[in-house]
Amino acid sequence: MAINPIIDTRDVRFVLFEMLETDKLKDRYPRYAEHDRDVYEEILELAERIAVEKNYPASAEADKTGCSYDPATKSVKIPQCYKEPISAFYEAGFLALGESEEIGGMGMPQNITQACNEMFMAGSMPMMMYPGLGHGSMMLIHNFGTEEQKKIYTGKMLEGKWGGTMCLTEPEAGSDVGALKTKAVKQADGSYLITGQKIFITAGDNDYYENIIHPVLARIEGDPVGTKGISIFLVPKYHVKADGSLGDKNDVVCAGIEHKMGIKGSATCTMSFGENGKCVGYLLGEERQGMKIMFQMMNEARLGVGVQALALSSSAYMHAITFARNRVQSVHVTQMMNPEAKPVPIIQHPDVKRMLLWMKSHVEGMRMLCYLMADCLTVEHVDKSETGKEARALAEFVLPICKAGNTDTSVLVTSEAVQVYGGSGYCSDYPVEQLMRDSKITAIYEGTNGIQSLDLMMRKLLMNKEQYNYSIFVKNVKGVIDKARGIVDDKYITSVERGLAKVDEIVNKKKELMAGMKIMQILMNAKPFLDMMFVMTLGWLHLWSLTVAQPKMAQLIGDKKGEELDKLLMDNQEAAYYRGRVLSSQYYIGALFPELFGKAEAILNLESAVVKANEYIFTGAPAE
């Protein structure tokens, strides 16, 4: 059986159905009563087919051609090779896969949706940003728009005829959204005239969609400064007539596109609103509720970015395996003194095996984390009991860990894939070079990873007086530790248990610092704390994996060893899978999880050099 070139679909199913038991949702919640394993399998198989046959072939070509901008017409063309795959995605109904049937969705659990998204993005992550932005803006309108706005926009956006964006960032504001200067002036008919400029706008203009709907953050004239004074407006590229047809072009244009390190097929635009004073926007939701509304899209996007990082890592790992199996170089280390020994595939060399196992354990950890997040969102939505409340709390706590941890790790995983390829990986003839370039942006956009660490440390932990979110995280980790006893070797259980105790020690130390208002001492270690929490989270998930996989491996393998075991693993794919899953989790907990204790020691040292540093020690002179 041929290996899927971009994703381990067997592992996808392990996490979905053996760990999270998604197929048993039908027994717990009426909403999923008609959704059995067969339904999910049909969806996953269709997603895989589109990802491998449509998305993946377009990836390299789009990276080479990129997007083009015409300054005369102020318009953008996307890679031609994207258009057929994007259409296939829409025609199969995947845009609203996890949304309710009332808006034309399929009502699938969120972890099925994210599993499909992983496949699509492993095929071509930059391409999927077009429908991804369309989905996010469509759901903003569905959740906060008037009945008229829903009627005008959502149907066409669902079909893929119209697209969408997220217009937050401005040249002088950056991550400080409250400093935005885009202005809205109310008109007699209830509409608003919008003036301002937004930068780094994904899919801001393109030649795929007939119309593009821009959710734009702006301050109504006279409203207070800061984030509390921000509202959000719908600004269509083309005005829409009463019958739903397109009218004249609105006063919004693309002023240019960025030339980037990666994601070259994704148009990153500078958008100008109201250059001629005629840009019309329509209030979405209530005045001064812009940040609250936009955060729904941002939170969805942050999970999406975590899945992007997973997808890029998955693709890089799968390519590295294929290359290592086929690249023959040097004799086996046990035959180094044998002059007649023949060269072997590099996958047999110890350091290459180490690199691949390092990648495998991280990719599988990232997948468990993303799907767990999605599962929590599913339960939160349909379960109004304490179970749903706890699911929401866990999702909120883990979200910044997922976004930042996955994206930082994706840069490392894709880099390691290049290393497996050697000099070939550094050349654009091979796909891992592109994957490494594409991965870096994930650590930057939708809230830099430094911002994610502030969210975790302050909003999710220290400013939450009851620390409910953290207590639910601890409860879940302890639940897995208890479940693992008698199934998993004690040394793996003990390591995770010690790790949780060390995390608790640091949390208590941070609470002491907060009580003393030593904010600088807290924030200088916010990012190291998040890094440590990512290790803790993956350790917990790998222990959970062992409780599921180890008994199944034992049943298939028994006491076979040596050549007998090798033959079984060669002939029995299921035995090989579970053996690999167990070794991956053992490697993570046994060889990588101990890094947590070094990270913890560094945090507890409270080294104050960061607090004492000022700009002069870096530059030696004032900024110009």
Foldseek 3Di string as FASTA:
>chain_A
DDQQLFFDVVLLCCLCCQQVNQQCVLVVFVLCVVPHPVNLVVLLVLLLCLLRVQLQVVALVQFVVFKDADQVVLAIAFPPSLQVSVLSCLVVQLLQQCPDPVLPYVNGFQLSSLSSLLSNLLRPVLSVVFSLQLSLVLVLCVVFNDPVSNVQPNNCSSNVQETEWEFQAAPVQGVQSLPDAWEWEADPVQKTAIFDKGFQIWPPHYDNHPKYWYWHKHAYPPADGGLQRIFIWIFMQFDADPVNDTDHGAQKGWNDFDDALASRSITTTMMGGCPPRGGIIHTTHDGSCHVVSVVVSLLVVLLVLLSSLLSLLSSLLSNLVVQQQPDWDDFAPVCNVPPPGGTHRNCRHVVSVVLSLVSVLLSSLSSSLSSLLSNLVSCLVRPPDVSNVLSVLQNQLCSLLSQQVSLVVSLVSLVSSLVSVPPVSCDSVDCSVNSNSHSNCSCPPSAHSLRSLCCNQDVQAQVPVVNSSVVSVVVLLVVLLVLLPPQDPVVLSVLLVVLVVLLVVVSVVLNVCVVVVVVVLSSVCSSLNSNLVSLSSSSSVLSSLSSRLRVVLCVQQPPDDDPRSVVSVVVPVSNVVSVSSNVSSCCSSVPPSVVSVVSSVVSVVSDCPVVVDDPCVVPVDDDD
